[in-house]
Structures are given as structure tokens and as C-alpha cells.
PDB file of N, CA and C in Angstrom:
ATOM      1  N   MET A   1      -1.953   4.563  -1.285  1.00  0.00           N
ATOM      2  CA  MET A   1      -2.209   5.378  -0.173  1.00  0.00           C
ATOM      3  C   MET A   1      -1.315   6.775  -0.163  1.00  0.00           C
ATOM      4  N   PRO A   2      -1.797   7.811   0.290  1.00  0.00           N
ATOM      5  CA  PRO A   2      -0.669   9.063   0.218  1.00  0.00           C
ATOM      6  C   PRO A   2       0.165   8.976   1.179  1.00  0.00           C
ATOM      7  N   ASN A   3       1.199   9.829   1.218  1.00  0.00           N
ATOM      8  CA  ASN A   3       2.325   9.628   2.278  1.00  0.00           C
ATOM      9  C   ASN A   3       1.479  10.071   3.594  1.00  0.00           C
ATOM     10  N   PRO A   4       2.010   8.959   4.395  1.00  0.00           N
ATOM     11  CA  PRO A   4       1.563   8.738   6.066  1.00  0.00           C
ATOM     12  C   PRO A   4       1.654   9.640   6.801  1.00  0.00           C
ATOM     13  N   TYR A   5       2.845  10.429   6.389  1.00  0.00           N
ATOM     14  CA  TYR A   5       3.282  12.002   7.420  1.00  0.00           C
ATOM     15  C   TYR A   5       2.617  12.974   6.921  1.00  0.00           C
ATOM     16  N   ASP A   6       1.925  13.094   5.508  1.00  0.00           N
ATOM     17  CA  ASP A   6       1.082  14.159   5.024  1.00  0.00           C
ATOM     18  C   ASP A   6      -0.174  13.822   5.706  1.00  0.00           C
ATOM     19  N   THR A   7      -0.708  12.821   5.657  1.00  0.00           N
ATOM     20  CA  THR A   7      -1.966  12.013   5.999  1.00  0.00           C
ATOM     21  C   THR A   7      -1.904  12.726   7.686  1.00  0.00           C
ATOM     22  N   LEU A   8      -0.867  12.607   8.288  1.00  0.00           N
ATOM     23  CA  LEU A   8      -1.131  13.090   9.717  1.00  0.00           C
ATOM     24  C   LEU A   8      -0.441  14.392  10.458  1.00  0.00           C
ATOM     25  N   GLY A   9      -0.083  14.900   9.350  1.00  0.00           N
ATOM     26  CA  GLY A   9       0.654  16.261   9.597  1.00  0.00           C
ATOM     27  C   GLY A   9       1.614  16.268  10.389  1.00  0.00           C
ATOM     28  N   VAL A  10       2.524  15.419  10.376  1.00  0.00           N
ATOM     29  CA  VAL A  10       3.493  15.405  11.225  1.00  0.00           C
ATOM     30  C   VAL A  10       4.881  15.289  10.084  1.00  0.00           C
ATOM     31  N   PRO A  11       5.809  15.803  10.621  1.00  0.00           N
ATOM     32  CA  PRO A  11       7.258  15.543   9.877  1.00  0.00           C
ATOM     33  C   PRO A  11       8.016  14.387  10.161  1.00  0.00           C
ATOM     34  N   LYS A  12       8.887  14.290   9.168  1.00  0.00           N
ATOM     35  CA  LYS A  12       9.229  12.961   9.087  1.00  0.00           C
ATOM     36  C   LYS A  12      10.047  12.404  10.410  1.00  0.00           C
ATOM     37  N   ASN A  13      10.874  13.412  11.059  1.00  0.00           N
ATOM     38  CA  ASN A  13      11.504  13.288  12.264  1.00  0.00           C
ATOM     39  C   ASN A  13      10.451  13.351  13.580  1.00  0.00           C
ATOM     40  N   ALA A  14       9.287  13.227  13.227  1.00  0.00           N
ATOM     41  CA  ALA A  14       7.993  13.071  14.574  1.00  0.00           C
ATOM     42  C   ALA A  14       8.200  12.026  15.255  1.00  0.00           C
ATOM     43  N   SER A  15       7.999  12.276  16.916  1.00  0.00           N
ATOM     44  CA  SER A  15       8.478  11.177  17.381  1.00  0.00           C
ATOM     45  C   SER A  15       7.354  10.406  17.980  1.00  0.00           C
ATOM     46  N   ALA A  16       7.575   9.262  18.048  1.00  0.00           N
ATOM     47  CA  ALA A  16       6.404   8.390  18.581  1.00  0.00           C
ATOM     48  C   ALA A  16       5.258   9.145  19.183  1.00  0.00           C
ATOM     49  N   ASP A  17       5.595   9.780  19.995  1.00  0.00           N
ATOM     50  CA  ASP A  17       4.529  10.318  20.737  1.00  0.00           C
ATOM     51  C   ASP A  17       3.611  11.787  19.993  1.00  0.00           C
ATOM     52  N   GLU A  18       4.205  12.420  19.097  1.00  0.00           N
ATOM     53  CA  GLU A  18       4.007  13.265  18.250  1.00  0.00           C
ATOM     54  C   GLU A  18       2.944  12.530  17.267  1.00  0.00           C
ATOM     55  N   ILE A  19       3.267  11.432  16.660  1.00  0.00           N
ATOM     56  CA  ILE A  19       2.550  11.057  15.744  1.00  0.00           C
ATOM     57  C   ILE A  19       1.387  10.137  16.491  1.00  0.00           C
ATOM     58  N   LYS A  20       1.252   9.763  17.541  1.00  0.00           N
ATOM     59  CA  LYS A  20      -0.030   9.317  18.352  1.00  0.00           C
ATOM     60  C   LYS A  20      -1.006  10.398  18.827  1.00  0.00           C
ATOM     61  N   LYS A  21      -0.389  11.653  18.981  1.00  0.00           N
ATOM     62  CA  LYS A  21      -0.991  12.809  19.307  1.00  0.00           C
ATOM     63  C   LYS A  21      -1.747  13.271  18.013  1.00  0.00           C
ATOM     64  N   ALA A  22      -1.060  13.348  16.927  1.00  0.00           N
ATOM     65  CA  ALA A  22      -1.753  13.801  15.556  1.00  0.00           C
ATOM     66  C   ALA A  22      -2.758  12.924  15.449  1.00  0.00           C
ATOM     67  N   TYR A  23      -2.526  11.260  15.424  1.00  0.00           N
ATOM     68  CA  TYR A  23      -3.100  10.696  14.949  1.00  0.00           C
ATOM     69  C   TYR A  23      -4.788  10.356  15.818  1.00  0.00           C
ATOM     70  N   ARG A  24      -4.734  10.723  17.146  1.00  0.00           N
ATOM     71  CA  ARG A  24      -5.855  10.888  17.857  1.00  0.00           C
ATOM     72  C   ARG A  24      -6.818  11.963  17.618  1.00  0.00           C
ATOM     73  N   LYS A  25      -6.138  12.901  17.456  1.00  0.00           N
ATOM     74  CA  LYS A  25      -6.845  14.135  17.238  1.00  0.00           C
ATOM     75  C   LYS A  25      -7.651  14.194  15.841  1.00  0.00           C
ATOM     76  N   LEU A  26      -6.852  13.588  14.994  1.00  0.00           N
ATOM     77  CA  LEU A  26      -7.464  13.698  13.581  1.00  0.00           C
ATOM     78  C   LEU A  26      -8.448  12.328  13.563  1.00  0.00           C
ATOM     79  N   ALA A  27      -8.492  11.358  14.073  1.00  0.00           N
ATOM     80  CA  ALA A  27      -9.254  10.188  14.452  1.00  0.00           C
ATOM     81  C   ALA A  27     -10.451  10.668  15.077  1.00  0.00           C
ATOM     82  N   ARG A  28     -10.535  11.649  15.888  1.00  0.00           N
ATOM     83  CA  ARG A  28     -11.558  12.082  16.330  1.00  0.00           C
ATOM     84  C   ARG A  28     -12.441  12.903  15.798  1.00  0.00           C
ATOM     85  N   GLU A  29     -11.682  13.905  14.897  1.00  0.00           N
ATOM     86  CA  GLU A  29     -12.227  14.769  14.271  1.00  0.00           C
ATOM     87  C   GLU A  29     -13.079  14.044  13.209  1.00  0.00           C
ATOM     88  N   HIS A  30     -12.368  12.947  12.397  1.00  0.00           N
ATOM     89  CA  HIS A  30     -12.897  12.154  11.053  1.00  0.00           C
ATOM     90  C   HIS A  30     -13.933  10.571  11.429  1.00  0.00           C
ATOM     91  N   HIS A  31     -13.653  10.308  12.670  1.00  0.00           N
ATOM     92  CA  HIS A  31     -14.508   9.293  13.134  1.00  0.00           C
ATOM     93  C   HIS A  31     -15.943   9.429  12.700  1.00  0.00           C
ATOM     94  N   PRO A  32     -16.240   8.283  11.811  1.00  0.00           N
ATOM     95  CA  PRO A  32     -17.781   7.986  11.379  1.00  0.00           C
ATOM     96  C   PRO A  32     -19.041   8.388  12.218  1.00  0.00           C
ATOM     97  N   ASP A  33     -18.381   7.691  13.318  1.00  0.00           N
ATOM     98  CA  ASP A  33     -19.527   7.865  14.412  1.00  0.00           C
ATOM     99  C   ASP A  33     -20.010   9.369  14.946  1.00  0.00           C
ATOM    100  N   GLN A  34     -18.998  10.084  14.494  1.00  0.00           N
ATOM    101  CA  GLN A  34     -19.281  11.507  15.329  1.00  0.00           C
ATOM    102  C   GLN A  34     -19.227  12.303  13.647  1.00  0.00           C
ATOM    103  N   GLY A  35     -20.025  11.833  12.862  1.00  0.00           N
ATOM    104  CA  GLY A  35     -20.205  12.175  11.838  1.00  0.00           C
ATOM    105  C   GLY A  35     -19.067  12.564  10.386  1.00  0.00           C
ATOM    106  N   GLY A  36     -18.062  12.107  11.005  1.00  0.00           N
ATOM    107  CA  GLY A  36     -16.881  12.536  10.029  1.00  0.00           C
ATOM    108  C   GLY A  36     -16.862  11.306   8.474  1.00  0.00           C
ATOM    109  N   ASP A  37     -16.209  11.658   7.921  1.00  0.00           N
ATOM    110  CA  ASP A  37     -15.791  10.776   6.770  1.00  0.00           C
ATOM    111  C   ASP A  37     -15.083   9.401   6.615  1.00  0.00           C
ATOM    112  N   GLU A  38     -15.602   8.238   6.561  1.00  0.00           N
ATOM    113  CA  GLU A  38     -14.896   7.170   6.665  1.00  0.00           C
ATOM    114  C   GLU A  38     -13.927   6.664   5.801  1.00  0.00           C
ATOM    115  N   ALA A  39     -14.082   7.389   4.647  1.00  0.00           N
ATOM    116  CA  ALA A  39     -12.656   7.055   3.853  1.00  0.00           C
ATOM    117  C   ALA A  39     -11.695   7.758   4.394  1.00  0.00           C
ATOM    118  N   ARG A  40     -11.743   8.942   4.818  1.00  0.00           N
ATOM    119  CA  ARG A  40     -10.695   9.760   5.399  1.00  0.00           C
ATOM    120  C   ARG A  40      -9.935   9.332   6.945  1.00  0.00           C
ATOM    121  N   PHE A  41     -11.109   8.624   7.523  1.00  0.00           N
ATOM    122  CA  PHE A  41     -10.517   7.903   8.618  1.00  0.00           C
ATOM    123  C   PHE A  41      -9.871   6.847   8.363  1.00  0.00           C
ATOM    124  N   LYS A  42     -10.135   5.845   7.374  1.00  0.00           N
ATOM    125  CA  LYS A  42      -9.528   4.830   7.146  1.00  0.00           C
ATOM    126  C   LYS A  42      -7.938   5.293   6.644  1.00  0.00           C
ATOM    127  N   GLU A  43      -8.128   6.179   5.604  1.00  0.00           N
ATOM    128  CA  GLU A  43      -6.537   6.609   5.541  1.00  0.00           C
ATOM    129  C   GLU A  43      -5.743   6.964   6.779  1.00  0.00           C
ATOM    130  N   ILE A  44      -6.419   7.747   7.772  1.00  0.00           N
ATOM    131  CA  ILE A  44      -5.894   8.159   8.748  1.00  0.00           C
ATOM    132  C   ILE A  44      -5.293   6.929   9.415  1.00  0.00           C
ATOM    133  N   GLN A  45      -6.301   6.026   9.499  1.00  0.00           N
ATOM    134  CA  GLN A  45      -5.920   4.360  10.309  1.00  0.00           C
ATOM    135  C   GLN A  45      -4.482   3.869   9.555  1.00  0.00           C
ATOM    136  N   GLY A  46      -4.873   4.044   8.402  1.00  0.00           N
ATOM    137  CA  GLY A  46      -3.807   3.068   7.510  1.00  0.00           C
ATOM    138  C   GLY A  46      -1.955   4.261   7.834  1.00  0.00           C
ATOM    139  N   ALA A  47      -2.344   5.376   7.728  1.00  0.00           N
ATOM    140  CA  ALA A  47      -1.022   6.002   7.965  1.00  0.00           C
ATOM    141  C   ALA A  47      -0.563   5.926   9.236  1.00  0.00           C
ATOM    142  N   TYR A  48      -1.465   5.875  10.137  1.00  0.00           N
ATOM    143  CA  TYR A  48      -1.165   5.468  11.660  1.00  0.00           C
ATOM    144  C   TYR A  48      -0.191   4.190  12.106  1.00  0.00           C
ATOM    145  N   ASP A  49      -1.076   3.276  11.229  1.00  0.00           N
ATOM    146  CA  ASP A  49      -0.608   1.837  11.252  1.00  0.00           C
ATOM    147  C   ASP A  49       0.788   1.465  10.804  1.00  0.00           C
ATOM    148  N   VAL A  50       1.468   2.625   9.588  1.00  0.00           N
ATOM    149  CA  VAL A  50       2.669   2.536   9.328  1.00  0.00           C
ATOM    150  C   VAL A  50       3.551   2.952  10.201  1.00  0.00           C
ATOM    151  N   LEU A  51       3.407   4.470  10.692  1.00  0.00           N
ATOM    152  CA  LEU A  51       4.035   5.135  11.450  1.00  0.00           C
ATOM    153  C   LEU A  51       4.471   4.809  12.837  1.00  0.00           C
ATOM    154  N   SER A  52       3.378   4.080  13.475  1.00  0.00           N
ATOM    155  CA  SER A  52       3.516   3.746  14.755  1.00  0.00           C
ATOM    156  C   SER A  52       3.965   2.687  15.341  1.00  0.00           C
ATOM    157  N   ASP A  53       4.578   1.968  13.919  1.00  0.00           N
ATOM    158  CA  ASP A  53       5.463   0.436  13.979  1.00  0.00           C
ATOM    159  C   ASP A  53       6.590   0.516  13.533  1.00  0.00           C
ATOM    160  N   PRO A  54       7.641   0.733  14.116  1.00  0.00           N
ATOM    161  CA  PRO A  54       8.988   0.834  13.898  1.00  0.00           C
ATOM    162  C   PRO A  54       9.563   0.188  12.601  1.00  0.00           C
ATOM    163  N   GLU A  55       9.256  -1.014  12.397  1.00  0.00           N
ATOM    164  CA  GLU A  55       9.473  -1.749  11.347  1.00  0.00           C
ATOM    165  C   GLU A  55       8.888  -1.493  10.078  1.00  0.00           C
ATOM    166  N   LYS A  56       7.745  -0.952  10.038  1.00  0.00           N
ATOM    167  CA  LYS A  56       6.752  -0.252   8.871  1.00  0.00           C
ATOM    168  C   LYS A  56       7.319   0.824   8.546  1.00  0.00           C
ATOM    169  N   ARG A  57       7.388   1.763   9.269  1.00  0.00           N
ATOM    170  CA  ARG A  57       7.919   3.126   9.257  1.00  0.00           C
ATOM    171  C   ARG A  57       9.260   2.995   8.553  1.00  0.00           C
ATOM    172  N   GLN A  58      10.476   2.370   9.345  1.00  0.00           N
ATOM    173  CA  GLN A  58      11.655   2.174   8.590  1.00  0.00           C
ATOM    174  C   GLN A  58      11.519   1.684   7.090  1.00  0.00           C
ATOM    175  N   ALA A  59      10.474   0.843   6.825  1.00  0.00           N
ATOM    176  CA  ALA A  59      10.375   0.242   5.440  1.00  0.00           C
ATOM    177  C   ALA A  59       9.572   1.573   4.799  1.00  0.00           C
ATOM    178  N   TYR A  60       8.829   2.276   4.980  1.00  0.00           N
ATOM    179  CA  TYR A  60       8.347   3.558   4.506  1.00  0.00           C
ATOM    180  C   TYR A  60       9.195   4.346   3.936  1.00  0.00           C
ATOM    181  N   ASP A  61      10.323   4.828   4.784  1.00  0.00           N
ATOM    182  CA  ASP A  61      11.151   5.979   4.765  1.00  0.00           C
ATOM    183  C   ASP A  61      12.179   5.084   4.114  1.00  0.00           C
ATOM    184  N   THR A  62      12.772   3.693   3.858  1.00  0.00           N
ATOM    185  CA  THR A  62      13.500   3.343   2.900  1.00  0.00           C
ATOM    186  C   THR A  62      12.876   3.053   1.787  1.00  0.00           C
ATOM    187  N   PHE A  63      11.673   2.551   1.409  1.00  0.00           N
ATOM    188  CA  PHE A  63      11.605   2.101   0.257  1.00  0.00           C
ATOM    189  C   PHE A  63      10.242   3.019  -0.313  1.00  0.00           C
ATOM    190  N   GLY A  64       9.341   3.657   0.558  1.00  0.00           N
ATOM    191  CA  GLY A  64       8.248   4.450   0.001  1.00  0.00           C
ATOM    192  C   GLY A  64       7.067   3.911   0.294  1.00  0.00           C
ATOM    193  N   THR A  65       7.092   2.409   1.175  1.00  0.00           N
ATOM    194  CA  THR A  65       6.310   1.527   1.021  1.00  0.00           C
ATOM    195  C   THR A  65       6.007   0.864   2.620  1.00  0.00           C
ATOM    196  N   ALA A  66       5.393   0.656   2.855  1.00  0.00           N
ATOM    197  CA  ALA A  66       5.130  -0.256   4.173  1.00  0.00           C
ATOM    198  C   ALA A  66       5.447  -1.706   4.311  1.00  0.00           C
ATOM    199  N   ASN A  67       5.565  -2.158   3.306  1.00  0.00           N
ATOM    200  CA  ASN A  67       5.657  -3.507   2.929  1.00  0.00           C
ATOM    201  C   ASN A  67       7.566  -4.029   2.216  1.00  0.00           C
ATOM    202  N   GLY A  68       8.030  -3.106   2.371  1.00  0.00           N
ATOM    203  CA  GLY A  68       9.368  -3.040   2.366  1.00  0.00           C
ATOM    204  C   GLY A  68       9.824  -3.301   0.470  1.00  0.00           C
ATOM    205  N   ARG A  69       8.803  -3.308  -0.295  1.00  0.00           N
ATOM    206  CA  ARG A  69       8.789  -3.638  -1.759  1.00  0.00           C
ATOM    207  C   ARG A  69       8.349  -2.070  -2.423  1.00  0.00           C
ATOM    208  N   PRO A  70       9.148  -1.827  -3.321  1.00  0.00           N
ATOM    209  CA  PRO A  70       8.896  -0.972  -4.120  1.00  0.00           C
ATOM    210  C   PRO A  70       7.563  -0.782  -4.672  1.00  0.00           C
ATOM    211  N   GLY A  71       6.410   0.091  -4.786  1.00  0.00           N
ATOM    212  CA  GLY A  71       5.118   0.326  -5.377  1.00  0.00           C
ATOM    213  C   GLY A  71       4.317   1.125  -4.722  1.00  0.00           C
ATOM    214  N   GLY A  72       3.197   0.612  -4.188  1.00  0.00           N
ATOM    215  CA  GLY A  72       2.528   1.194  -3.347  1.00  0.00           C
ATOM    216  C   GLY A  72       2.040   0.311  -2.054  1.00  0.00           C
ATOM    217  N   PHE A  73       1.260   0.878  -1.252  1.00  0.00           N
ATOM    218  CA  PHE A  73       0.729   0.367   0.040  1.00  0.00           C
ATOM    219  C   PHE A  73      -0.039  -0.833  -0.313  1.00  0.00           C
ATOM    220  N   GLY A  74       0.495  -1.990   0.291  1.00  0.00           N
ATOM    221  CA  GLY A  74      -0.660  -3.183  -0.060  1.00  0.00           C
ATOM    222  C   GLY A  74       0.119  -3.997  -1.008  1.00  0.00           C
ATOM    223  N   GLY A  75       1.009  -3.309  -1.757  1.00  0.00           N
ATOM    224  CA  GLY A  75       1.768  -4.124  -2.942  1.00  0.00           C
ATOM    225  C   GLY A  75       0.993  -5.091  -3.973  1.00  0.00           C
ATOM    226  N   GLY A  76       0.030  -4.097  -4.681  1.00  0.00           N
ATOM    227  CA  GLY A  76      -0.672  -4.928  -5.537  1.00  0.00           C
ATOM    228  C   GLY A  76       0.331  -5.759  -6.561  1.00  0.00           C
ATOM    229  N   SER A  77      -0.445  -6.720  -6.985  1.00  0.00           N
ATOM    230  CA  SER A  77       0.456  -7.597  -7.564  1.00  0.00           C
ATOM    231  C   SER A  77       0.404  -7.383  -8.776  1.00  0.00           C
ATOM    232  N   GLY A  78       1.364  -7.830  -9.400  1.00  0.00           N
ATOM    233  CA  GLY A  78       1.991  -7.646 -10.894  1.00  0.00           C
ATOM    234  C   GLY A  78       0.669  -8.289 -12.082  1.00  0.00           C
ATOM    235  N   PRO A  79       1.523  -8.256 -13.191  1.00  0.00           N
ATOM    236  CA  PRO A  79       0.760  -8.811 -14.416  1.00  0.00           C
ATOM    237  C   PRO A  79       0.530 -10.447 -13.726  1.00  0.00           C
ATOM    238  N   GLN A  80      -0.880 -10.662 -13.838  1.00  0.00           N
ATOM    239  CA  GLN A  80      -1.256 -12.196 -13.864  1.00  0.00           C
ATOM    240  C   GLN A  80      -1.183 -13.050 -15.074  1.00  0.00           C
ATOM    241  N   PHE A  81      -0.435 -14.015 -15.179  1.00  0.00           N
ATOM    242  CA  PHE A  81      -0.062 -15.208 -16.386  1.00  0.00           C
ATOM    243  C   PHE A  81      -0.791 -16.415 -16.170  1.00  0.00           C
ATOM    244  N   ALA A  82      -1.467 -16.518 -15.638  1.00  0.00           N
ATOM    245  CA  ALA A  82      -2.092 -17.726 -15.151  1.00  0.00           C
ATOM    246  C   ALA A  82      -2.857 -18.353 -16.212  1.00  0.00           C
ATOM    247  N   ASP A  83      -3.907 -17.499 -17.109  1.00  0.00           N
ATOM    248  CA  ASP A  83      -4.280 -18.047 -18.148  1.00  0.00           C
ATOM    249  C   ASP A  83      -3.395 -18.022 -19.839  1.00  0.00           C
ATOM    250  N   PHE A  84      -2.091 -17.895 -19.215  1.00  0.00           N
ATOM    251  CA  PHE A  84      -1.335 -17.752 -20.367  1.00  0.00           C
ATOM    252  C   PHE A  84      -0.702 -18.870 -21.105  1.00  0.00           C
ATOM    253  N   ASP A  85      -1.039 -19.526 -21.914  1.00  0.00           N
ATOM    254  CA  ASP A  85      -0.034 -20.816 -22.568  1.00  0.00           C
ATOM    255  C   ASP A  85       1.252 -20.120 -23.347  1.00  0.00           C
ATOM    256  N   LEU A  86       2.446 -20.671 -22.877  1.00  0.00           N
ATOM    257  CA  LEU A  86       3.437 -20.063 -23.378  1.00  0.00           C
ATOM    258  C   LEU A  86       3.836 -20.877 -24.537  1.00  0.00           C
ATOM    259  N   SER A  87       3.418 -21.912 -25.070  1.00  0.00           N
ATOM    260  CA  SER A  87       3.274 -22.896 -26.046  1.00  0.00           C
ATOM    261  C   SER A  87       2.543 -22.065 -27.681  1.00  0.00           C
ATOM    262  N   ASP A  88       1.241 -20.878 -27.125  1.00  0.00           N
ATOM    263  CA  ASP A  88       1.246 -20.561 -27.993  1.00  0.00           C
ATOM    264  C   ASP A  88       2.168 -18.935 -28.186  1.00  0.00           C
ATOM    265  N   LEU A  89       2.881 -18.843 -27.446  1.00  0.00           N
ATOM    266  CA  LEU A  89       3.678 -17.775 -27.564  1.00  0.00           C
ATOM    267  C   LEU A  89       4.797 -18.210 -28.488  1.00  0.00           C
ATOM    268  N   PHE A  90       5.330 -19.311 -27.967  1.00  0.00           N
ATOM    269  CA  PHE A  90       6.629 -19.908 -28.713  1.00  0.00           C
ATOM    270  C   PHE A  90       6.209 -20.573 -29.741  1.00  0.00           C
ATOM    271  N   GLY A  91       5.464 -21.083 -29.939  1.00  0.00           N
ATOM    272  CA  GLY A  91       4.642 -21.264 -31.200  1.00  0.00           C
ATOM    273  C   GLY A  91       4.653 -20.726 -32.522  1.00  0.00           C
ATOM    274  N   GLY A  92       4.231 -19.564 -32.111  1.00  0.00           N
ATOM    275  CA  GLY A  92       4.013 -18.058 -32.877  1.00  0.00           C
ATOM    276  C   GLY A  92       5.664 -17.932 -33.211  1.00  0.00           C
ATOM    277  N   ILE A  93       6.466 -17.894 -32.469  1.00  0.00           N
ATOM    278  CA  ILE A  93       7.739 -17.182 -32.901  1.00  0.00           C
ATOM    279  C   ILE A  93       8.437 -18.227 -33.545  1.00  0.00           C
ATOM    280  N   PHE A  94       8.254 -19.558 -33.395  1.00  0.00           N
ATOM    281  CA  PHE A  94       9.499 -20.540 -33.609  1.00  0.00           C
ATOM    282  C   PHE A  94       8.359 -21.462 -34.701  1.00  0.00           C
ATOM    283  N   GLY A  95       7.525 -20.857 -35.191  1.00  0.00           N
ATOM    284  CA  GLY A  95       6.655 -21.818 -36.411  1.00  0.00           C
ATOM    285  C   GLY A  95       5.858 -22.745 -35.742  1.00  0.00           C
ATOM    286  N   GLY A  96       4.602 -23.295 -36.367  1.00  0.00           N
ATOM    287  CA  GLY A  96       3.731 -24.370 -36.100  1.00  0.00           C
ATOM    288  C   GLY A  96       2.715 -23.505 -35.111  1.00  0.00           C
ATOM    289  N   GLY A  97       1.859 -24.049 -34.297  1.00  0.00           N
ATOM    290  CA  GLY A  97       0.824 -23.217 -33.684  1.00  0.00           C
ATOM    291  C   GLY A  97       0.691 -23.666 -32.310  1.00  0.00           C
ATOM    292  N   PRO A  98      -0.101 -23.541 -31.617  1.00  0.00           N
ATOM    293  CA  PRO A  98      -0.368 -24.023 -30.752  1.00  0.00           C
ATOM    294  C   PRO A  98      -0.647 -25.630 -30.417  1.00  0.00           C
ATOM    295  N   ARG A  99      -0.276 -25.920 -29.287  1.00  0.00           N
ATOM    296  CA  ARG A  99      -0.504 -27.390 -29.181  1.00  0.00           C
ATOM    297  C   ARG A  99      -1.554 -28.035 -28.813  1.00  0.00           C
ATOM    298  N   GLN A 100      -1.895 -28.934 -29.385  1.00  0.00           N
ATOM    299  CA  GLN A 100      -3.564 -29.402 -29.501  1.00  0.00           C
ATOM    300  C   GLN A 100      -3.527 -30.109 -28.388  1.00  0.00           C
ATOM    301  N   ARG A 101      -4.279 -30.201 -27.290  1.00  0.00           N
ATOM    302  CA  ARG A 101      -4.501 -30.969 -25.954  1.00  0.00           C
ATOM    303  C   ARG A 101      -5.314 -31.937 -26.075  1.00  0.00           C
ATOM    304  N   GLY A 102      -5.536 -33.056 -25.592  1.00  0.00           N
ATOM    305  CA  GLY A 102      -6.416 -33.897 -25.877  1.00  0.00           C
ATOM    306  C   GLY A 102      -6.899 -35.113 -24.638  1.00  0.00           C
TER     307      GLY A 102
END
């Protein structure tokens, strides 16, 4: 997700009232029921969700994300190893092959 301040067109030091005013203006302009773009409307809603919540806003200002973890909004998960068998790796490194399961 893009920078929520840029999305709403407000500075980093914007007050809660300024954020709400910018959100309402953009939401009216881009609402799908008014012929606006749904993707843009969702982007505006996401930005407002972050900036209207003091905890999420502080997390974004500190870490660049709303969830308090470096990365992107929504915090995509890292590599998945569920189907990876470590015995294959260690068998290849230390000799032998994968263990037979039976």
C-alpha cells in the first residue's frame, strides 16, 4: 500500500480533523456508487484506517507499516517451509540420503 499520508494528501503532522476532512472529500469523489474507482476507494479507506487510529498511525510513523513490523501493510508472510523436509538437506550435507519413511 502506498504512503497513507500521500494517499490522503495530508502532511505527516496533520491533525485528526484534517485527516478526517481529507478522507471524507476523497471518499465522496471516489466512491464506487458515485462512479468512482473501487480500487482507489479501498486505498483511501486503508489510508484512513491507519491514520485515524493513533496506535496504527504511530506504528506506521515508526516502522513504515501499520502492524508494527517492517515490511508492507498487511504484513505478508515470509517464506513457507511446511513442505520442506530438513532430513533431505542434512542428508545431502552430511552424507546419506533422505530417510525412508514407512
